[in-house]
Amino acid sequence: MGCGRVGSSLAIELEAAGHEVAVIDQAKEAFRRLGPDFKGRTVVGVGFDRDTLLEAGIEGAQAFAAVSNGDNSNILAARVARESFGVTNVVARIYDPGRAEIYQRLGIPTVATVIWATDQILRRLIPEGTRSEWRDATGTVQLLEVHPHRDWYGRPLSELEAASESRVAFLTRLGEGLTPDAQTVLQDGDLVHMMIENAKMKTAESALSQGPGK
């Protein structure tokens, strides 16, 4: 739902990957963004209207993305797709950071545009510290990009995990993702992505900000 810049890009990418795609938008002219080669279905209408969704093929859909420019419309459409039609993979784009957190905790996967953009810019302005990349629907666990004290370089990641009481999910090394094992040693320049429980955040931050054994 939504054929703006994001919606049209999603539709084009999904179709290129071999999926059948239907796009809903209230403005017929919005479909021009899809280009002349788009072979999917285009439906003019409101994305949370049952008849519109049925015309778009919601009953056979494996996924639904609500990416219009309205938070209320996106949440309502996402809920209708999931609760009324049983679509398993549903996501809604939300601009309001407060709402995004609430709906995420209610189990509605959201992409918080403002939070994401702010985090991405802050990472480039202020590289130190931790930045949340993902959190589970209950708000219990987060995936964070962390920047350990440089004394951790040359030490096995298992030591960092033990000290922080957390798990290293993956590393970004020389621009490529790496899944670590028990023998992986942290190198200067590695980007470390850790799964941290909120209850253990202080322990993790303390371990990350200091060297081993401190």
C-alpha atoms as a PDB file:
ATOM      1  CA  MET A   1       0.000   0.000   0.000  1.00  0.00           C
ATOM      2  CA  GLY A   2       1.463   3.295  -1.167  1.00  0.00           C
ATOM      3  CA  CYS A   3       3.187   3.986  -4.450  1.00  0.00           C
ATOM      4  CA  GLY A   4       5.512   6.768  -3.417  1.00  0.00           C
ATOM      5  CA  ARG A   5       9.296   6.511  -3.652  1.00  0.00           C
ATOM      6  CA  VAL A   6       9.518   3.686  -1.114  1.00  0.00           C
ATOM      7  CA  GLY A   7       6.463   1.762  -2.297  1.00  0.00           C
ATOM      8  CA  SER A   8       7.409   1.896  -5.960  1.00  0.00           C
ATOM      9  CA  SER A   9      11.008   0.871  -5.188  1.00  0.00           C
ATOM     10  CA  LEU A  10       9.781  -2.065  -3.107  1.00  0.00           C
ATOM     11  CA  ALA A  11       7.414  -3.192  -5.855  1.00  0.00           C
ATOM     12  CA  ILE A  12      10.107  -3.023  -8.537  1.00  0.00           C
ATOM     13  CA  GLU A  13      12.670  -4.876  -6.382  1.00  0.00           C
ATOM     14  CA  LEU A  14      10.199  -7.586  -5.389  1.00  0.00           C
ATOM     15  CA  GLU A  15       9.108  -8.146  -8.966  1.00  0.00           C
ATOM     16  CA  ALA A  16      12.737  -8.312 -10.102  1.00  0.00           C
ATOM     17  CA  ALA A  17      13.258 -11.031  -7.464  1.00  0.00           C
ATOM     18  CA  GLY A  18      10.518 -13.101  -9.085  1.00  0.00           C
ATOM     19  CA  HIS A  19       7.536 -12.262  -6.878  1.00  0.00           C
ATOM     20  CA  GLU A  20       4.032 -11.349  -7.998  1.00  0.00           C
ATOM     21  CA  VAL A  21       3.261  -7.849  -6.739  1.00  0.00           C
ATOM     22  CA  ALA A  22       0.116  -5.770  -6.360  1.00  0.00           C
ATOM     23  CA  VAL A  23       0.294  -2.056  -5.528  1.00  0.00           C
ATOM     24  CA  ILE A  24      -2.500   0.013  -3.973  1.00  0.00           C
ATOM     25  CA  ASP A  25      -2.641   3.807  -4.066  1.00  0.00           C
ATOM     26  CA  GLN A  26      -5.396   6.393  -3.928  1.00  0.00           C
ATOM     27  CA  ALA A  27      -3.885   8.341  -6.835  1.00  0.00           C
ATOM     28  CA  LYS A  28      -3.792   6.629 -10.211  1.00  0.00           C
ATOM     29  CA  GLU A  29      -0.962   8.856 -11.418  1.00  0.00           C
ATOM     30  CA  ALA A  30       1.274   7.497  -8.630  1.00  0.00           C
ATOM     31  CA  PHE A  31       1.667   4.261 -10.597  1.00  0.00           C
ATOM     32  CA  ARG A  32       3.828   6.101 -13.123  1.00  0.00           C
ATOM     33  CA  ARG A  33       6.689   5.614 -10.687  1.00  0.00           C
ATOM     34  CA  LEU A  34       6.569   1.898 -11.428  1.00  0.00           C
ATOM     35  CA  GLY A  35       7.739   2.449 -14.994  1.00  0.00           C
ATOM     36  CA  PRO A  36       6.544   0.826 -18.225  1.00  0.00           C
ATOM     37  CA  ASP A  37       8.091  -2.576 -17.495  1.00  0.00           C
ATOM     38  CA  PHE A  38       6.141  -3.258 -14.276  1.00  0.00           C
ATOM     39  CA  LYS A  39       3.875  -6.263 -14.831  1.00  0.00           C
ATOM     40  CA  GLY A  40       2.170  -6.417 -11.441  1.00  0.00           C
ATOM     41  CA  ARG A  41      -1.349  -5.424 -10.492  1.00  0.00           C
ATOM     42  CA  THR A  42      -2.225  -1.779  -9.724  1.00  0.00           C
ATOM     43  CA  VAL A  43      -5.360  -0.950  -7.734  1.00  0.00           C
ATOM     44  CA  VAL A  44      -6.738   2.515  -7.093  1.00  0.00           C
ATOM     45  CA  GLY A  45      -8.274   2.735  -3.637  1.00  0.00           C
ATOM     46  CA  VAL A  46      -7.778   2.990   0.113  1.00  0.00           C
ATOM     47  CA  GLY A  47      -5.379   0.368   1.407  1.00  0.00           C
ATOM     48  CA  PHE A  48      -7.377  -0.600   4.496  1.00  0.00           C
ATOM     49  CA  ASP A  49     -10.669  -1.014   2.608  1.00  0.00           C
ATOM     50  CA  ARG A  50     -11.654  -4.694   2.398  1.00  0.00           C
ATOM     51  CA  ASP A  51     -12.918  -4.514  -1.181  1.00  0.00           C
ATOM     52  CA  THR A  52      -9.742  -2.764  -2.304  1.00  0.00           C
ATOM     53  CA  LEU A  53      -7.581  -5.361  -0.591  1.00  0.00           C
ATOM     54  CA  LEU A  54      -9.597  -8.184  -2.115  1.00  0.00           C
ATOM     55  CA  GLU A  55      -9.212  -6.660  -5.570  1.00  0.00           C
ATOM     56  CA  ALA A  56      -5.447  -6.534  -4.980  1.00  0.00           C
ATOM     57  CA  GLY A  57      -5.406 -10.232  -4.106  1.00  0.00           C
ATOM     58  CA  ILE A  58      -4.905 -10.030  -0.349  1.00  0.00           C
ATOM     59  CA  GLU A  59      -6.396 -13.506   0.165  1.00  0.00           C
ATOM     60  CA  GLY A  60      -3.417 -15.064  -1.603  1.00  0.00           C
ATOM     61  CA  ALA A  61      -0.765 -12.662  -0.309  1.00  0.00           C
ATOM     62  CA  GLN A  62       2.283 -13.892   1.569  1.00  0.00           C
ATOM     63  CA  ALA A  63       3.321 -10.403   2.683  1.00  0.00           C
ATOM     64  CA  PHE A  64       1.932  -6.885   3.018  1.00  0.00           C
ATOM     65  CA  ALA A  65       3.815  -3.590   3.318  1.00  0.00           C
ATOM     66  CA  ALA A  66       1.994  -0.417   4.369  1.00  0.00           C
ATOM     67  CA  VAL A  67       4.201   2.451   3.191  1.00  0.00           C
ATOM     68  CA  SER A  68       1.825   5.330   2.485  1.00  0.00           C
ATOM     69  CA  ASN A  69       2.574   8.781   3.910  1.00  0.00           C
ATOM     70  CA  GLY A  70       0.056   8.419   6.746  1.00  0.00           C
ATOM     71  CA  ASP A  71       0.842   6.672  10.042  1.00  0.00           C
ATOM     72  CA  ASN A  72      -2.817   5.985  10.856  1.00  0.00           C
ATOM     73  CA  SER A  73      -3.512   4.517   7.425  1.00  0.00           C
ATOM     74  CA  ASN A  74      -0.410   2.335   7.566  1.00  0.00           C
ATOM     75  CA  ILE A  75      -1.205   0.900  10.986  1.00  0.00           C
ATOM     76  CA  LEU A  76      -4.859   0.333  10.159  1.00  0.00           C
ATOM     77  CA  ALA A  77      -4.026  -1.361   6.853  1.00  0.00           C
ATOM     78  CA  ALA A  78      -1.364  -3.532   8.504  1.00  0.00           C
ATOM     79  CA  ARG A  79      -3.813  -4.662  11.180  1.00  0.00           C
ATOM     80  CA  VAL A  80      -6.527  -5.468   8.642  1.00  0.00           C
ATOM     81  CA  ALA A  81      -4.057  -7.471   6.536  1.00  0.00           C
ATOM     82  CA  ARG A  82      -2.843  -9.462   9.513  1.00  0.00           C
ATOM     83  CA  GLU A  83      -5.963  -9.812  11.651  1.00  0.00           C
ATOM     84  CA  SER A  84      -8.694 -10.030   9.008  1.00  0.00           C
ATOM     85  CA  PHE A  85      -6.853 -11.819   6.226  1.00  0.00           C
ATOM     86  CA  GLY A  86      -4.180 -13.728   8.152  1.00  0.00           C
ATOM     87  CA  VAL A  87      -1.174 -12.357   6.243  1.00  0.00           C
ATOM     88  CA  THR A  88       1.877 -13.519   8.198  1.00  0.00           C
ATOM     89  CA  ASN A  89       4.541 -11.081   7.014  1.00  0.00           C
ATOM     90  CA  VAL A  90       3.260  -7.560   7.633  1.00  0.00           C
ATOM     91  CA  VAL A  91       5.197  -4.343   8.144  1.00  0.00           C
ATOM     92  CA  ALA A  92       4.153  -0.708   8.527  1.00  0.00           C
ATOM     93  CA  ARG A  93       6.208   2.426   8.039  1.00  0.00           C
ATOM     94  CA  ILE A  94       5.713   4.902  10.887  1.00  0.00           C
ATOM     95  CA  TYR A  95       7.010   8.457  11.064  1.00  0.00           C
ATOM     96  CA  ASP A  96       6.059   9.210  14.696  1.00  0.00           C
ATOM     97  CA  PRO A  97       8.792   7.637  16.901  1.00  0.00           C
ATOM     98  CA  GLY A  98       6.466   7.330  19.910  1.00  0.00           C
ATOM     99  CA  ARG A  99       3.829   5.475  17.947  1.00  0.00           C
ATOM    100  CA  ALA A 100       6.393   3.221  16.318  1.00  0.00           C
ATOM    101  CA  GLU A 101       7.574   1.955  19.696  1.00  0.00           C
ATOM    102  CA  ILE A 102       4.019   1.341  20.913  1.00  0.00           C
ATOM    103  CA  TYR A 103       2.974  -0.608  17.830  1.00  0.00           C
ATOM    104  CA  GLN A 104       6.214  -2.600  17.846  1.00  0.00           C
ATOM    105  CA  ARG A 105       5.474  -3.722  21.392  1.00  0.00           C
ATOM    106  CA  LEU A 106       1.948  -4.662  20.338  1.00  0.00           C
ATOM    107  CA  GLY A 107       3.492  -7.035  17.835  1.00  0.00           C
ATOM    108  CA  ILE A 108       3.046  -4.981  14.676  1.00  0.00           C
ATOM    109  CA  PRO A 109       6.447  -4.838  12.937  1.00  0.00           C
ATOM    110  CA  THR A 110       7.273  -1.250  12.073  1.00  0.00           C
ATOM    111  CA  VAL A 111       9.962   0.683  10.264  1.00  0.00           C
ATOM    112  CA  ALA A 112      10.386   3.883  12.240  1.00  0.00           C
ATOM    113  CA  THR A 113      11.581   6.227   9.516  1.00  0.00           C
ATOM    114  CA  VAL A 114      12.574   9.114  11.776  1.00  0.00           C
ATOM    115  CA  ILE A 115      14.394   6.908  14.305  1.00  0.00           C
ATOM    116  CA  TRP A 116      16.233   5.011  11.566  1.00  0.00           C
ATOM    117  CA  ALA A 117      17.341   8.171   9.767  1.00  0.00           C
ATOM    118  CA  THR A 118      18.443   9.808  13.027  1.00  0.00           C
ATOM    119  CA  ASP A 119      20.480   6.743  14.024  1.00  0.00           C
ATOM    120  CA  GLN A 120      22.141   6.477  10.624  1.00  0.00           C
ATOM    121  CA  ILE A 121      23.182  10.150  10.672  1.00  0.00           C
ATOM    122  CA  LEU A 122      24.372   9.977  14.297  1.00  0.00           C
ATOM    123  CA  ARG A 123      26.567   6.971  13.478  1.00  0.00           C
ATOM    124  CA  ARG A 124      28.398   9.092  10.938  1.00  0.00           C
ATOM    125  CA  LEU A 125      28.601  12.206  13.125  1.00  0.00           C
ATOM    126  CA  ILE A 126      29.451  10.454  16.407  1.00  0.00           C
ATOM    127  CA  PRO A 127      30.853   6.980  15.706  1.00  0.00           C
ATOM    128  CA  GLU A 128      31.483   6.045  19.343  1.00  0.00           C
ATOM    129  CA  GLY A 129      28.879   4.455  21.569  1.00  0.00           C
ATOM    130  CA  THR A 130      26.109   1.994  20.781  1.00  0.00           C
ATOM    131  CA  ARG A 131      23.250   2.330  18.302  1.00  0.00           C
ATOM    132  CA  SER A 132      20.183   0.110  18.275  1.00  0.00           C
ATOM    133  CA  GLU A 133      19.687  -1.731  14.971  1.00  0.00           C
ATOM    134  CA  TRP A 134      16.725  -3.893  15.979  1.00  0.00           C
ATOM    135  CA  ARG A 135      14.637  -4.789  18.997  1.00  0.00           C
ATOM    136  CA  ASP A 136      12.178  -7.607  19.525  1.00  0.00           C
ATOM    137  CA  ALA A 137       8.444  -6.917  19.743  1.00  0.00           C
ATOM    138  CA  THR A 138       8.449  -7.091  23.553  1.00  0.00           C
ATOM    139  CA  GLY A 139      11.330  -4.659  23.909  1.00  0.00           C
ATOM    140  CA  THR A 140      13.356  -7.239  25.860  1.00  0.00           C
ATOM    141  CA  VAL A 141      16.299  -7.798  23.503  1.00  0.00           C
ATOM    142  CA  GLN A 142      18.145  -5.420  21.189  1.00  0.00           C
ATOM    143  CA  LEU A 143      20.646  -5.850  18.389  1.00  0.00           C
ATOM    144  CA  LEU A 144      23.198  -3.070  18.721  1.00  0.00           C
ATOM    145  CA  GLU A 145      26.241  -1.917  16.838  1.00  0.00           C
ATOM    146  CA  VAL A 146      28.798  -1.464  19.615  1.00  0.00           C
ATOM    147  CA  HIS A 147      32.287   0.008  19.772  1.00  0.00           C
ATOM    148  CA  PRO A 148      34.376  -1.884  22.357  1.00  0.00           C
ATOM    149  CA  HIS A 149      37.343  -0.357  24.152  1.00  0.00           C
ATOM    150  CA  ARG A 150      40.438  -0.798  22.003  1.00  0.00           C
ATOM    151  CA  ASP A 151      42.010  -3.063  24.636  1.00  0.00           C
ATOM    152  CA  TRP A 152      39.599  -5.737  23.423  1.00  0.00           C
ATOM    153  CA  TYR A 153      41.380  -5.866  20.062  1.00  0.00           C
ATOM    154  CA  GLY A 154      43.414  -9.049  19.790  1.00  0.00           C
ATOM    155  CA  ARG A 155      41.232 -10.872  22.316  1.00  0.00           C
ATOM    156  CA  PRO A 156      38.801 -13.717  21.575  1.00  0.00           C
ATOM    157  CA  LEU A 157      35.193 -12.613  21.212  1.00  0.00           C
ATOM    158  CA  SER A 158      34.252 -15.296  23.732  1.00  0.00           C
ATOM    159  CA  GLU A 159      35.954 -13.182  26.430  1.00  0.00           C
ATOM    160  CA  LEU A 160      33.963 -10.117  25.414  1.00  0.00           C
ATOM    161  CA  GLU A 161      30.747 -12.155  25.491  1.00  0.00           C
ATOM    162  CA  ALA A 162      31.506 -13.492  28.964  1.00  0.00           C
ATOM    163  CA  ALA A 163      32.322 -10.044  30.346  1.00  0.00           C
ATOM    164  CA  SER A 164      29.281  -8.362  28.793  1.00  0.00           C
ATOM    165  CA  GLU A 165      26.890 -11.284  29.444  1.00  0.00           C
ATOM    166  CA  SER A 166      25.741 -10.864  25.830  1.00  0.00           C
ATOM    167  CA  ARG A 167      26.198 -12.505  22.436  1.00  0.00           C
ATOM    168  CA  VAL A 168      28.047 -11.261  19.355  1.00  0.00           C
ATOM    169  CA  ALA A 169      25.596 -11.796  16.492  1.00  0.00           C
ATOM    170  CA  PHE A 170      28.014 -10.921  13.702  1.00  0.00           C
ATOM    171  CA  LEU A 171      30.953  -8.727  12.725  1.00  0.00           C
ATOM    172  CA  THR A 172      31.444  -6.435   9.776  1.00  0.00           C
ATOM    173  CA  ARG A 173      35.100  -6.856   8.767  1.00  0.00           C
ATOM    174  CA  LEU A 174      36.585  -5.054   5.785  1.00  0.00           C
ATOM    175  CA  GLY A 175      33.082  -4.319   4.525  1.00  0.00           C
ATOM    176  CA  GLU A 176      31.849  -7.920   4.688  1.00  0.00           C
ATOM    177  CA  GLY A 177      29.667  -9.711   7.215  1.00  0.00           C
ATOM    178  CA  LEU A 178      31.269 -12.446   9.339  1.00  0.00           C
ATOM    179  CA  THR A 179      29.598 -14.921  11.686  1.00  0.00           C
ATOM    180  CA  PRO A 180      32.097 -15.491  14.519  1.00  0.00           C
ATOM    181  CA  ASP A 181      32.954 -18.787  16.161  1.00  0.00           C
ATOM    182  CA  ALA A 182      34.723 -19.677  19.417  1.00  0.00           C
ATOM    183  CA  GLN A 183      38.163 -18.929  17.917  1.00  0.00           C
ATOM    184  CA  THR A 184      37.335 -15.546  16.340  1.00  0.00           C
ATOM    185  CA  VAL A 185      39.595 -12.750  17.567  1.00  0.00           C
ATOM    186  CA  LEU A 186      38.479  -9.122  17.507  1.00  0.00           C
ATOM    187  CA  GLN A 187      40.505  -6.993  15.106  1.00  0.00           C
ATOM    188  CA  ASP A 188      41.001  -3.253  14.895  1.00  0.00           C
ATOM    189  CA  GLY A 189      38.409  -1.882  12.473  1.00  0.00           C
ATOM    190  CA  ASP A 190      35.782  -4.555  13.147  1.00  0.00           C
ATOM    191  CA  LEU A 191      32.192  -3.394  13.587  1.00  0.00           C
ATOM    192  CA  VAL A 192      30.651  -5.483  16.350  1.00  0.00           C
ATOM    193  CA  HIS A 193      26.922  -6.248  16.395  1.00  0.00           C
ATOM    194  CA  MET A 194      25.684  -7.683  19.696  1.00  0.00           C
ATOM    195  CA  MET A 195      22.422  -9.096  20.994  1.00  0.00           C
ATOM    196  CA  ILE A 196      21.910  -7.576  24.447  1.00  0.00           C
ATOM    197  CA  GLU A 197      19.058  -8.054  26.896  1.00  0.00           C
ATOM    198  CA  ASN A 198      17.792  -4.751  28.266  1.00  0.00           C
ATOM    199  CA  ALA A 199      18.201  -6.072  31.807  1.00  0.00           C
ATOM    200  CA  LYS A 200      21.922  -6.599  31.143  1.00  0.00           C
ATOM    201  CA  MET A 201      22.531  -3.329  29.306  1.00  0.00           C
ATOM    202  CA  LYS A 202      24.514  -1.720  32.143  1.00  0.00           C
ATOM    203  CA  THR A 203      26.742  -4.789  32.486  1.00  0.00           C
ATOM    204  CA  ALA A 204      27.368  -4.818  28.750  1.00  0.00           C
ATOM    205  CA  GLU A 205      28.085  -1.100  28.533  1.00  0.00           C
ATOM    206  CA  SER A 206      30.514  -1.341  31.449  1.00  0.00           C
ATOM    207  CA  ALA A 207      32.409  -4.223  29.826  1.00  0.00           C
ATOM    208  CA  LEU A 208      32.473  -2.555  26.421  1.00  0.00           C
ATOM    209  CA  SER A 209      33.728   0.779  27.732  1.00  0.00           C
ATOM    210  CA  GLN A 210      36.619  -0.781  29.663  1.00  0.00           C
ATOM    211  CA  GLY A 211      39.340  -3.210  28.748  1.00  0.00           C
ATOM    212  CA  PRO A 212      39.440  -6.911  29.738  1.00  0.00           C
ATOM    213  CA  GLY A 213      39.574  -7.579  33.462  1.00  0.00           C
ATOM    214  CA  LYS A 214      38.761  -4.010  34.477  1.00  0.00           C
END
